[in-house]
Amino acid sequence: DGLTAYRERPLAVALPETEAQVAA
């Protein structure tokens, strides 16, 4: 985020568009 001194990559990035997708 705005603290750039530490970085890590996740296994995946999810970008849901509905609350149903967030829950899933």
mmCIF file of all heavy atoms, coordinates in Angstrom:
data_MODEL
# 
_entry.id   MODEL 
# 
loop_
_atom_site.group_PDB 
_atom_site.id 
_atom_site.type_symbol 
_atom_site.label_atom_id 
_atom_site.label_alt_id 
_atom_site.label_comp_id 
_atom_site.label_asym_id 
_atom_site.label_entity_id 
_atom_site.label_seq_id 
_atom_site.pdbx_PDB_ins_code 
_atom_site.Cartn_x 
_atom_site.Cartn_y 
_atom_site.Cartn_z 
_atom_site.occupancy 
_atom_site.B_iso_or_equiv 
_atom_site.pdbx_formal_charge 
_atom_site.auth_seq_id 
_atom_site.auth_comp_id 
_atom_site.auth_asym_id 
_atom_site.auth_atom_id 
_atom_site.pdbx_PDB_model_num 
ATOM 1   N N   . ASP A 1 1  ? 0.866   -1.181  0.000   1.00 0.00 ? 1  ASP A N   1 
ATOM 2   C CA  . ASP A 1 1  ? 0.000   0.000   0.000   1.00 0.00 ? 1  ASP A CA  1 
ATOM 3   C C   . ASP A 1 1  ? 0.902   1.230   0.000   1.00 0.00 ? 1  ASP A C   1 
ATOM 4   O O   . ASP A 1 1  ? 1.972   1.210   -0.599  1.00 0.00 ? 1  ASP A O   1 
ATOM 5   C CB  . ASP A 1 1  ? -0.992  -0.027  1.163   1.00 0.00 ? 1  ASP A CB  1 
ATOM 6   C CG  . ASP A 1 1  ? -0.325  -0.139  2.534   1.00 0.00 ? 1  ASP A CG  1 
ATOM 7   O OD1 . ASP A 1 1  ? 0.909   0.056   2.627   1.00 0.00 ? 1  ASP A OD1 1 
ATOM 8   O OD2 . ASP A 1 1  ? -1.031  -0.393  3.526   1.00 0.00 ? 1  ASP A OD2 1 
ATOM 9   N N   . GLY A 1 2  ? 0.505   2.302   0.689   1.00 0.00 ? 2  GLY A N   1 
ATOM 10  C CA  . GLY A 1 2  ? 1.328   3.508   0.699   1.00 0.00 ? 2  GLY A CA  1 
ATOM 11  C C   . GLY A 1 2  ? 2.638   3.361   1.445   1.00 0.00 ? 2  GLY A C   1 
ATOM 12  O O   . GLY A 1 2  ? 3.530   4.204   1.316   1.00 0.00 ? 2  GLY A O   1 
ATOM 13  N N   . LEU A 1 3  ? 2.785   2.297   2.228   1.00 0.00 ? 3  LEU A N   1 
ATOM 14  C CA  . LEU A 1 3  ? 4.054   1.968   2.872   1.00 0.00 ? 3  LEU A CA  1 
ATOM 15  C C   . LEU A 1 3  ? 4.809   1.039   1.926   1.00 0.00 ? 3  LEU A C   1 
ATOM 16  O O   . LEU A 1 3  ? 4.559   -0.152  1.868   1.00 0.00 ? 3  LEU A O   1 
ATOM 17  C CB  . LEU A 1 3  ? 3.808   1.278   4.220   1.00 0.00 ? 3  LEU A CB  1 
ATOM 18  C CG  . LEU A 1 3  ? 5.055   0.855   4.992   1.00 0.00 ? 3  LEU A CG  1 
ATOM 19  C CD1 . LEU A 1 3  ? 5.858   2.056   5.451   1.00 0.00 ? 3  LEU A CD1 1 
ATOM 20  C CD2 . LEU A 1 3  ? 4.681   -0.005  6.187   1.00 0.00 ? 3  LEU A CD2 1 
ATOM 21  N N   . THR A 1 4  ? 5.727   1.616   1.155   1.00 0.00 ? 4  THR A N   1 
ATOM 22  C CA  . THR A 1 4  ? 6.367   0.863   0.077   1.00 0.00 ? 4  THR A CA  1 
ATOM 23  C C   . THR A 1 4  ? 7.633   0.133   0.500   1.00 0.00 ? 4  THR A C   1 
ATOM 24  O O   . THR A 1 4  ? 8.224   -0.593  -0.305  1.00 0.00 ? 4  THR A O   1 
ATOM 25  C CB  . THR A 1 4  ? 6.716   1.811   -1.087  1.00 0.00 ? 4  THR A CB  1 
ATOM 26  O OG1 . THR A 1 4  ? 7.592   2.844   -0.606  1.00 0.00 ? 4  THR A OG1 1 
ATOM 27  C CG2 . THR A 1 4  ? 5.453   2.454   -1.652  1.00 0.00 ? 4  THR A CG2 1 
ATOM 28  N N   . ALA A 1 5  ? 8.065   0.314   1.754   1.00 0.00 ? 5  ALA A N   1 
ATOM 29  C CA  . ALA A 1 5  ? 9.311   -0.308  2.198   1.00 0.00 ? 5  ALA A CA  1 
ATOM 30  C C   . ALA A 1 5  ? 9.195   -1.825  2.252   1.00 0.00 ? 5  ALA A C   1 
ATOM 31  O O   . ALA A 1 5  ? 10.189  -2.538  2.122   1.00 0.00 ? 5  ALA A O   1 
ATOM 32  C CB  . ALA A 1 5  ? 9.709   0.228   3.571   1.00 0.00 ? 5  ALA A CB  1 
ATOM 33  N N   . TYR A 1 6  ? 7.984   -2.335  2.461   1.00 0.00 ? 6  TYR A N   1 
ATOM 34  C CA  . TYR A 1 6  ? 7.763   -3.779  2.529   1.00 0.00 ? 6  TYR A CA  1 
ATOM 35  C C   . TYR A 1 6  ? 6.774   -4.188  1.455   1.00 0.00 ? 6  TYR A C   1 
ATOM 36  O O   . TYR A 1 6  ? 5.736   -3.539  1.265   1.00 0.00 ? 6  TYR A O   1 
ATOM 37  C CB  . TYR A 1 6  ? 7.228   -4.184  3.906   1.00 0.00 ? 6  TYR A CB  1 
ATOM 38  C CG  . TYR A 1 6  ? 8.157   -3.812  5.030   1.00 0.00 ? 6  TYR A CG  1 
ATOM 39  C CD1 . TYR A 1 6  ? 7.717   -3.019  6.075   1.00 0.00 ? 6  TYR A CD1 1 
ATOM 40  C CD2 . TYR A 1 6  ? 9.482   -4.243  5.022   1.00 0.00 ? 6  TYR A CD2 1 
ATOM 41  C CE1 . TYR A 1 6  ? 8.572   -2.676  7.101   1.00 0.00 ? 6  TYR A CE1 1 
ATOM 42  C CE2 . TYR A 1 6  ? 10.344  -3.895  6.043   1.00 0.00 ? 6  TYR A CE2 1 
ATOM 43  C CZ  . TYR A 1 6  ? 9.891   -3.111  7.083   1.00 0.00 ? 6  TYR A CZ  1 
ATOM 44  O OH  . TYR A 1 6  ? 10.741  -2.764  8.089   1.00 0.00 ? 6  TYR A OH  1 
ATOM 45  N N   . ARG A 1 7  ? 7.103   -5.285  0.761   1.00 0.00 ? 7  ARG A N   1 
ATOM 46  C CA  . ARG A 1 7  ? 6.279   -5.736  -0.363  1.00 0.00 ? 7  ARG A CA  1 
ATOM 47  C C   . ARG A 1 7  ? 6.119   -7.248  -0.321  1.00 0.00 ? 7  ARG A C   1 
ATOM 48  O O   . ARG A 1 7  ? 7.004   -7.973  0.141   1.00 0.00 ? 7  ARG A O   1 
ATOM 49  C CB  . ARG A 1 7  ? 6.915   -5.322  -1.697  1.00 0.00 ? 7  ARG A CB  1 
ATOM 50  C CG  . ARG A 1 7  ? 7.108   -3.813  -1.855  1.00 0.00 ? 7  ARG A CG  1 
ATOM 51  C CD  . ARG A 1 7  ? 8.010   -3.487  -3.037  1.00 0.00 ? 7  ARG A CD  1 
ATOM 52  N NE  . ARG A 1 7  ? 8.303   -2.066  -3.120  1.00 0.00 ? 7  ARG A NE  1 
ATOM 53  C CZ  . ARG A 1 7  ? 7.675   -1.208  -3.902  1.00 0.00 ? 7  ARG A CZ  1 
ATOM 54  N NH1 . ARG A 1 7  ? 6.690   -1.636  -4.672  1.00 0.00 ? 7  ARG A NH1 1 
ATOM 55  N NH2 . ARG A 1 7  ? 8.004   0.068   -3.921  1.00 0.00 ? 7  ARG A NH2 1 
ATOM 56  N N   . GLU A 1 8  ? 5.002   -7.702  -0.800  1.00 0.00 ? 8  GLU A N   1 
ATOM 57  C CA  . GLU A 1 8  ? 4.733   -9.138  -0.870  1.00 0.00 ? 8  GLU A CA  1 
ATOM 58  C C   . GLU A 1 8  ? 3.719   -9.372  -1.972  1.00 0.00 ? 8  GLU A C   1 
ATOM 59  O O   . GLU A 1 8  ? 2.864   -8.523  -2.229  1.00 0.00 ? 8  GLU A O   1 
ATOM 60  C CB  . GLU A 1 8  ? 4.187   -9.646  0.462   1.00 0.00 ? 8  GLU A CB  1 
ATOM 61  C CG  . GLU A 1 8  ? 4.107   -11.148 0.578   1.00 0.00 ? 8  GLU A CG  1 
ATOM 62  C CD  . GLU A 1 8  ? 5.455   -11.819 0.450   1.00 0.00 ? 8  GLU A CD  1 
ATOM 63  O OE1 . GLU A 1 8  ? 6.218   -11.824 1.433   1.00 0.00 ? 8  GLU A OE1 1 
ATOM 64  O OE2 . GLU A 1 8  ? 5.735   -12.326 -0.654  1.00 0.00 ? 8  GLU A OE2 1 
ATOM 65  N N   . ARG A 1 9  ? 3.807   -10.517 -2.638  1.00 0.00 ? 9  ARG A N   1 
ATOM 66  C CA  . ARG A 1 9  ? 2.825   -10.861 -3.665  1.00 0.00 ? 9  ARG A CA  1 
ATOM 67  C C   . ARG A 1 9  ? 1.923   -11.970 -3.154  1.00 0.00 ? 9  ARG A C   1 
ATOM 68  O O   . ARG A 1 9  ? 2.398   -12.960 -2.599  1.00 0.00 ? 9  ARG A O   1 
ATOM 69  C CB  . ARG A 1 9  ? 3.518   -11.294 -4.958  1.00 0.00 ? 9  ARG A CB  1 
ATOM 70  C CG  . ARG A 1 9  ? 4.263   -10.169 -5.645  1.00 0.00 ? 9  ARG A CG  1 
ATOM 71  C CD  . ARG A 1 9  ? 4.801   -10.598 -6.980  1.00 0.00 ? 9  ARG A CD  1 
ATOM 72  N NE  . ARG A 1 9  ? 5.700   -9.587  -7.549  1.00 0.00 ? 9  ARG A NE  1 
ATOM 73  C CZ  . ARG A 1 9  ? 6.375   -9.746  -8.690  1.00 0.00 ? 9  ARG A CZ  1 
ATOM 74  N NH1 . ARG A 1 9  ? 6.228   -10.868 -9.386  1.00 0.00 ? 9  ARG A NH1 1 
ATOM 75  N NH2 . ARG A 1 9  ? 7.162   -8.799  -9.128  1.00 0.00 ? 9  ARG A NH2 1 
ATOM 76  N N   . PRO A 1 10 ? 0.630   -11.806 -3.333  1.00 0.00 ? 10 PRO A N   1 
ATOM 77  C CA  . PRO A 1 10 ? -0.314  -12.836 -2.873  1.00 0.00 ? 10 PRO A CA  1 
ATOM 78  C C   . PRO A 1 10 ? -0.380  -13.989 -3.864  1.00 0.00 ? 10 PRO A C   1 
ATOM 79  O O   . PRO A 1 10 ? 0.145   -13.911 -4.979  1.00 0.00 ? 10 PRO A O   1 
ATOM 80  C CB  . PRO A 1 10 ? -1.636  -12.076 -2.833  1.00 0.00 ? 10 PRO A CB  1 
ATOM 81  C CG  . PRO A 1 10 ? -1.507  -11.087 -3.960  1.00 0.00 ? 10 PRO A CG  1 
ATOM 82  C CD  . PRO A 1 10 ? -0.054  -10.678 -3.980  1.00 0.00 ? 10 PRO A CD  1 
ATOM 83  N N   . LEU A 1 11 ? -1.039  -15.059 -3.456  1.00 0.00 ? 11 LEU A N   1 
ATOM 84  C CA  . LEU A 1 11 ? -1.280  -16.160 -4.392  1.00 0.00 ? 11 LEU A CA  1 
ATOM 85  C C   . LEU A 1 11 ? -2.194  -15.699 -5.516  1.00 0.00 ? 11 LEU A C   1 
ATOM 86  O O   . LEU A 1 11 ? -2.031  -16.118 -6.673  1.00 0.00 ? 11 LEU A O   1 
ATOM 87  C CB  . LEU A 1 11 ? -1.927  -17.342 -3.662  1.00 0.00 ? 11 LEU A CB  1 
ATOM 88  C CG  . LEU A 1 11 ? -1.093  -18.041 -2.580  1.00 0.00 ? 11 LEU A CG  1 
ATOM 89  C CD1 . LEU A 1 11 ? -1.898  -19.162 -1.952  1.00 0.00 ? 11 LEU A CD1 1 
ATOM 90  C CD2 . LEU A 1 11 ? 0.211   -18.576 -3.158  1.00 0.00 ? 11 LEU A CD2 1 
ATOM 91  N N   . ALA A 1 12 ? -3.172  -14.837 -5.182  1.00 0.00 ? 12 ALA A N   1 
ATOM 92  C CA  . ALA A 1 12 ? -4.129  -14.362 -6.185  1.00 0.00 ? 12 ALA A CA  1 
ATOM 93  C C   . ALA A 1 12 ? -4.764  -13.063 -5.687  1.00 0.00 ? 12 ALA A C   1 
ATOM 94  O O   . ALA A 1 12 ? -4.763  -12.778 -4.481  1.00 0.00 ? 12 ALA A O   1 
ATOM 95  C CB  . ALA A 1 12 ? -5.203  -15.403 -6.445  1.00 0.00 ? 12 ALA A CB  1 
ATOM 96  N N   . VAL A 1 13 ? -5.307  -12.304 -6.632  1.00 0.00 ? 13 VAL A N   1 
ATOM 97  C CA  . VAL A 1 13 ? -6.062  -11.095 -6.318  1.00 0.00 ? 13 VAL A CA  1 
ATOM 98  C C   . VAL A 1 13 ? -7.479  -11.282 -6.848  1.00 0.00 ? 13 VAL A C   1 
ATOM 99  O O   . VAL A 1 13 ? -7.673  -11.518 -8.047  1.00 0.00 ? 13 VAL A O   1 
ATOM 100 C CB  . VAL A 1 13 ? -5.432  -9.843  -6.954  1.00 0.00 ? 13 VAL A CB  1 
ATOM 101 C CG1 . VAL A 1 13 ? -6.295  -8.612  -6.668  1.00 0.00 ? 13 VAL A CG1 1 
ATOM 102 C CG2 . VAL A 1 13 ? -4.014  -9.630  -6.447  1.00 0.00 ? 13 VAL A CG2 1 
ATOM 103 N N   . ALA A 1 14 ? -8.456  -11.194 -5.946  1.00 0.00 ? 14 ALA A N   1 
ATOM 104 C CA  . ALA A 1 14 ? -9.860  -11.300 -6.337  1.00 0.00 ? 14 ALA A CA  1 
ATOM 105 C C   . ALA A 1 14 ? -10.455 -9.909  -6.422  1.00 0.00 ? 14 ALA A C   1 
ATOM 106 O O   . ALA A 1 14 ? -10.237 -9.079  -5.539  1.00 0.00 ? 14 ALA A O   1 
ATOM 107 C CB  . ALA A 1 14 ? -10.623 -12.135 -5.317  1.00 0.00 ? 14 ALA A CB  1 
ATOM 108 N N   . LEU A 1 15 ? -11.205 -9.637  -7.491  1.00 0.00 ? 15 LEU A N   1 
ATOM 109 C CA  . LEU A 1 15 ? -11.850 -8.345  -7.692  1.00 0.00 ? 15 LEU A CA  1 
ATOM 110 C C   . LEU A 1 15 ? -13.357 -8.538  -7.880  1.00 0.00 ? 15 LEU A C   1 
ATOM 111 O O   . LEU A 1 15 ? -13.887 -8.373  -8.985  1.00 0.00 ? 15 LEU A O   1 
ATOM 112 C CB  . LEU A 1 15 ? -11.259 -7.623  -8.908  1.00 0.00 ? 15 LEU A CB  1 
ATOM 113 C CG  . LEU A 1 15 ? -9.784  -7.245  -8.811  1.00 0.00 ? 15 LEU A CG  1 
ATOM 114 C CD1 . LEU A 1 15 ? -8.933  -8.238  -9.611  1.00 0.00 ? 15 LEU A CD1 1 
ATOM 115 C CD2 . LEU A 1 15 ? -9.535  -5.844  -9.315  1.00 0.00 ? 15 LEU A CD2 1 
ATOM 116 N N   . PRO A 1 16 ? -14.069 -8.901  -6.829  1.00 0.00 ? 16 PRO A N   1 
ATOM 117 C CA  . PRO A 1 16 ? -15.505 -9.155  -6.951  1.00 0.00 ? 16 PRO A CA  1 
ATOM 118 C C   . PRO A 1 16 ? -16.277 -7.897  -7.305  1.00 0.00 ? 16 PRO A C   1 
ATOM 119 O O   . PRO A 1 16 ? -15.831 -6.786  -7.040  1.00 0.00 ? 16 PRO A O   1 
ATOM 120 C CB  . PRO A 1 16 ? -15.880 -9.662  -5.556  1.00 0.00 ? 16 PRO A CB  1 
ATOM 121 C CG  . PRO A 1 16 ? -14.861 -9.054  -4.651  1.00 0.00 ? 16 PRO A CG  1 
ATOM 122 C CD  . PRO A 1 16 ? -13.595 -9.031  -5.447  1.00 0.00 ? 16 PRO A CD  1 
ATOM 123 N N   . GLU A 1 17 ? -17.447 -8.102  -7.909  1.00 0.00 ? 17 GLU A N   1 
ATOM 124 C CA  . GLU A 1 17 ? -18.294 -6.989  -8.339  1.00 0.00 ? 17 GLU A CA  1 
ATOM 125 C C   . GLU A 1 17 ? -19.626 -6.953  -7.615  1.00 0.00 ? 17 GLU A C   1 
ATOM 126 O O   . GLU A 1 17 ? -20.369 -5.982  -7.721  1.00 0.00 ? 17 GLU A O   1 
ATOM 127 C CB  . GLU A 1 17 ? -18.513 -7.098  -9.851  1.00 0.00 ? 17 GLU A CB  1 
ATOM 128 C CG  . GLU A 1 17 ? -17.209 -7.015  -10.641 1.00 0.00 ? 17 GLU A CG  1 
ATOM 129 C CD  . GLU A 1 17 ? -17.360 -7.469  -12.079 1.00 0.00 ? 17 GLU A CD  1 
ATOM 130 O OE1 . GLU A 1 17 ? -18.289 -8.276  -12.346 1.00 0.00 ? 17 GLU A OE1 1 
ATOM 131 O OE2 . GLU A 1 17 ? -16.567 -7.042  -12.921 1.00 0.00 ? 17 GLU A OE2 1 
ATOM 132 N N   . THR A 1 18 ? -19.953 -8.020  -6.893  1.00 0.00 ? 18 THR A N   1 
ATOM 133 C CA  . THR A 1 18 ? -21.213 -8.097  -6.152  1.00 0.00 ? 18 THR A CA  1 
ATOM 134 C C   . THR A 1 18 ? -20.937 -8.637  -4.751  1.00 0.00 ? 18 THR A C   1 
ATOM 135 O O   . THR A 1 18 ? -19.920 -9.301  -4.515  1.00 0.00 ? 18 THR A O   1 
ATOM 136 C CB  . THR A 1 18 ? -22.218 -9.021  -6.851  1.00 0.00 ? 18 THR A CB  1 
ATOM 137 O OG1 . THR A 1 18 ? -21.719 -10.373 -6.791  1.00 0.00 ? 18 THR A OG1 1 
ATOM 138 C CG2 . THR A 1 18 ? -22.433 -8.602  -8.295  1.00 0.00 ? 18 THR A CG2 1 
ATOM 139 N N   . GLU A 1 19 ? -21.877 -8.381  -3.846  1.00 0.00 ? 19 GLU A N   1 
ATOM 140 C CA  . GLU A 1 19 ? -21.733 -8.911  -2.498  1.00 0.00 ? 19 GLU A CA  1 
ATOM 141 C C   . GLU A 1 19 ? -21.775 -10.436 -2.506  1.00 0.00 ? 19 GLU A C   1 
ATOM 142 O O   . GLU A 1 19 ? -21.106 -11.087 -1.703  1.00 0.00 ? 19 GLU A O   1 
ATOM 143 C CB  . GLU A 1 19 ? -22.817 -8.346  -1.582  1.00 0.00 ? 19 GLU A CB  1 
ATOM 144 C CG  . GLU A 1 19 ? -22.619 -6.872  -1.247  1.00 0.00 ? 19 GLU A CG  1 
ATOM 145 C CD  . GLU A 1 19 ? -23.490 -6.422  -0.081  1.00 0.00 ? 19 GLU A CD  1 
ATOM 146 O OE1 . GLU A 1 19 ? -24.484 -7.115  0.225   1.00 0.00 ? 19 GLU A OE1 1 
ATOM 147 O OE2 . GLU A 1 19 ? -23.162 -5.384  0.518   1.00 0.00 ? 19 GLU A OE2 1 
ATOM 148 N N   . ALA A 1 20 ? -22.551 -11.011 -3.397  1.00 0.00 ? 20 ALA A N   1 
ATOM 149 C CA  . ALA A 1 20 ? -22.613 -12.469 -3.498  1.00 0.00 ? 20 ALA A CA  1 
ATOM 150 C C   . ALA A 1 20 ? -21.234 -13.037 -3.841  1.00 0.00 ? 20 ALA A C   1 
ATOM 151 O O   . ALA A 1 20 ? -20.826 -14.088 -3.319  1.00 0.00 ? 20 ALA A O   1 
ATOM 152 C CB  . ALA A 1 20 ? -23.641 -12.889 -4.549  1.00 0.00 ? 20 ALA A CB  1 
ATOM 153 N N   . GLN A 1 21 ? -20.506 -12.336 -4.713  1.00 0.00 ? 21 GLN A N   1 
ATOM 154 C CA  . GLN A 1 21 ? -19.163 -12.782 -5.066  1.00 0.00 ? 21 GLN A CA  1 
ATOM 155 C C   . GLN A 1 21 ? -18.197 -12.626 -3.893  1.00 0.00 ? 21 GLN A C   1 
ATOM 156 O O   . GLN A 1 21 ? -17.329 -13.472 -3.678  1.00 0.00 ? 21 GLN A O   1 
ATOM 157 C CB  . GLN A 1 21 ? -18.654 -12.011 -6.281  1.00 0.00 ? 21 GLN A CB  1 
ATOM 158 C CG  . GLN A 1 21 ? -19.367 -12.371 -7.565  1.00 0.00 ? 21 GLN A CG  1 
ATOM 159 C CD  . GLN A 1 21 ? -18.921 -11.522 -8.748  1.00 0.00 ? 21 GLN A CD  1 
ATOM 160 O OE1 . GLN A 1 21 ? -18.082 -10.633 -8.625  1.00 0.00 ? 21 GLN A OE1 1 
ATOM 161 N NE2 . GLN A 1 21 ? -19.493 -11.788 -9.920  1.00 0.00 ? 21 GLN A NE2 1 
ATOM 162 N N   . VAL A 1 22 ? -18.337 -11.543 -3.110  1.00 0.00 ? 22 VAL A N   1 
ATOM 163 C CA  . VAL A 1 22 ? -17.498 -11.364 -1.916  1.00 0.00 ? 22 VAL A CA  1 
ATOM 164 C C   . VAL A 1 22 ? -17.715 -12.544 -0.968  1.00 0.00 ? 22 VAL A C   1 
ATOM 165 O O   . VAL A 1 22 ? -16.755 -13.150 -0.460  1.00 0.00 ? 22 VAL A O   1 
ATOM 166 C CB  . VAL A 1 22 ? -17.821 -10.043 -1.198  1.00 0.00 ? 22 VAL A CB  1 
ATOM 167 C CG1 . VAL A 1 22 ? -17.079 -9.973  0.146   1.00 0.00 ? 22 VAL A CG1 1 
ATOM 168 C CG2 . VAL A 1 22 ? -17.427 -8.855  -2.058  1.00 0.00 ? 22 VAL A CG2 1 
ATOM 169 N N   . ALA A 1 23 ? -18.975 -12.872 -0.708  1.00 0.00 ? 23 ALA A N   1 
ATOM 170 C CA  . ALA A 1 23 ? -19.291 -13.981 0.187   1.00 0.00 ? 23 ALA A CA  1 
ATOM 171 C C   . ALA A 1 23 ? -18.723 -15.292 -0.341  1.00 0.00 ? 23 ALA A C   1 
ATOM 172 O O   . ALA A 1 23 ? -18.172 -16.101 0.425   1.00 0.00 ? 23 ALA A O   1 
ATOM 173 C CB  . ALA A 1 23 ? -20.809 -14.088 0.358   1.00 0.00 ? 23 ALA A CB  1 
ATOM 174 N N   . ALA A 1 24 ? -18.837 -15.493 -1.650  1.00 0.00 ? 24 ALA A N   1 
ATOM 175 C CA  . ALA A 1 24 ? -18.343 -16.738 -2.251  1.00 0.00 ? 24 ALA A CA  1 
ATOM 176 C C   . ALA A 1 24 ? -16.825 -16.840 -2.130  1.00 0.00 ? 24 ALA A C   1 
ATOM 177 O O   . ALA A 1 24 ? -16.287 -17.928 -1.864  1.00 0.00 ? 24 ALA A O   1 
ATOM 178 C CB  . ALA A 1 24 ? -18.777 -16.811 -3.715  1.00 0.00 ? 24 ALA A CB  1 
# 
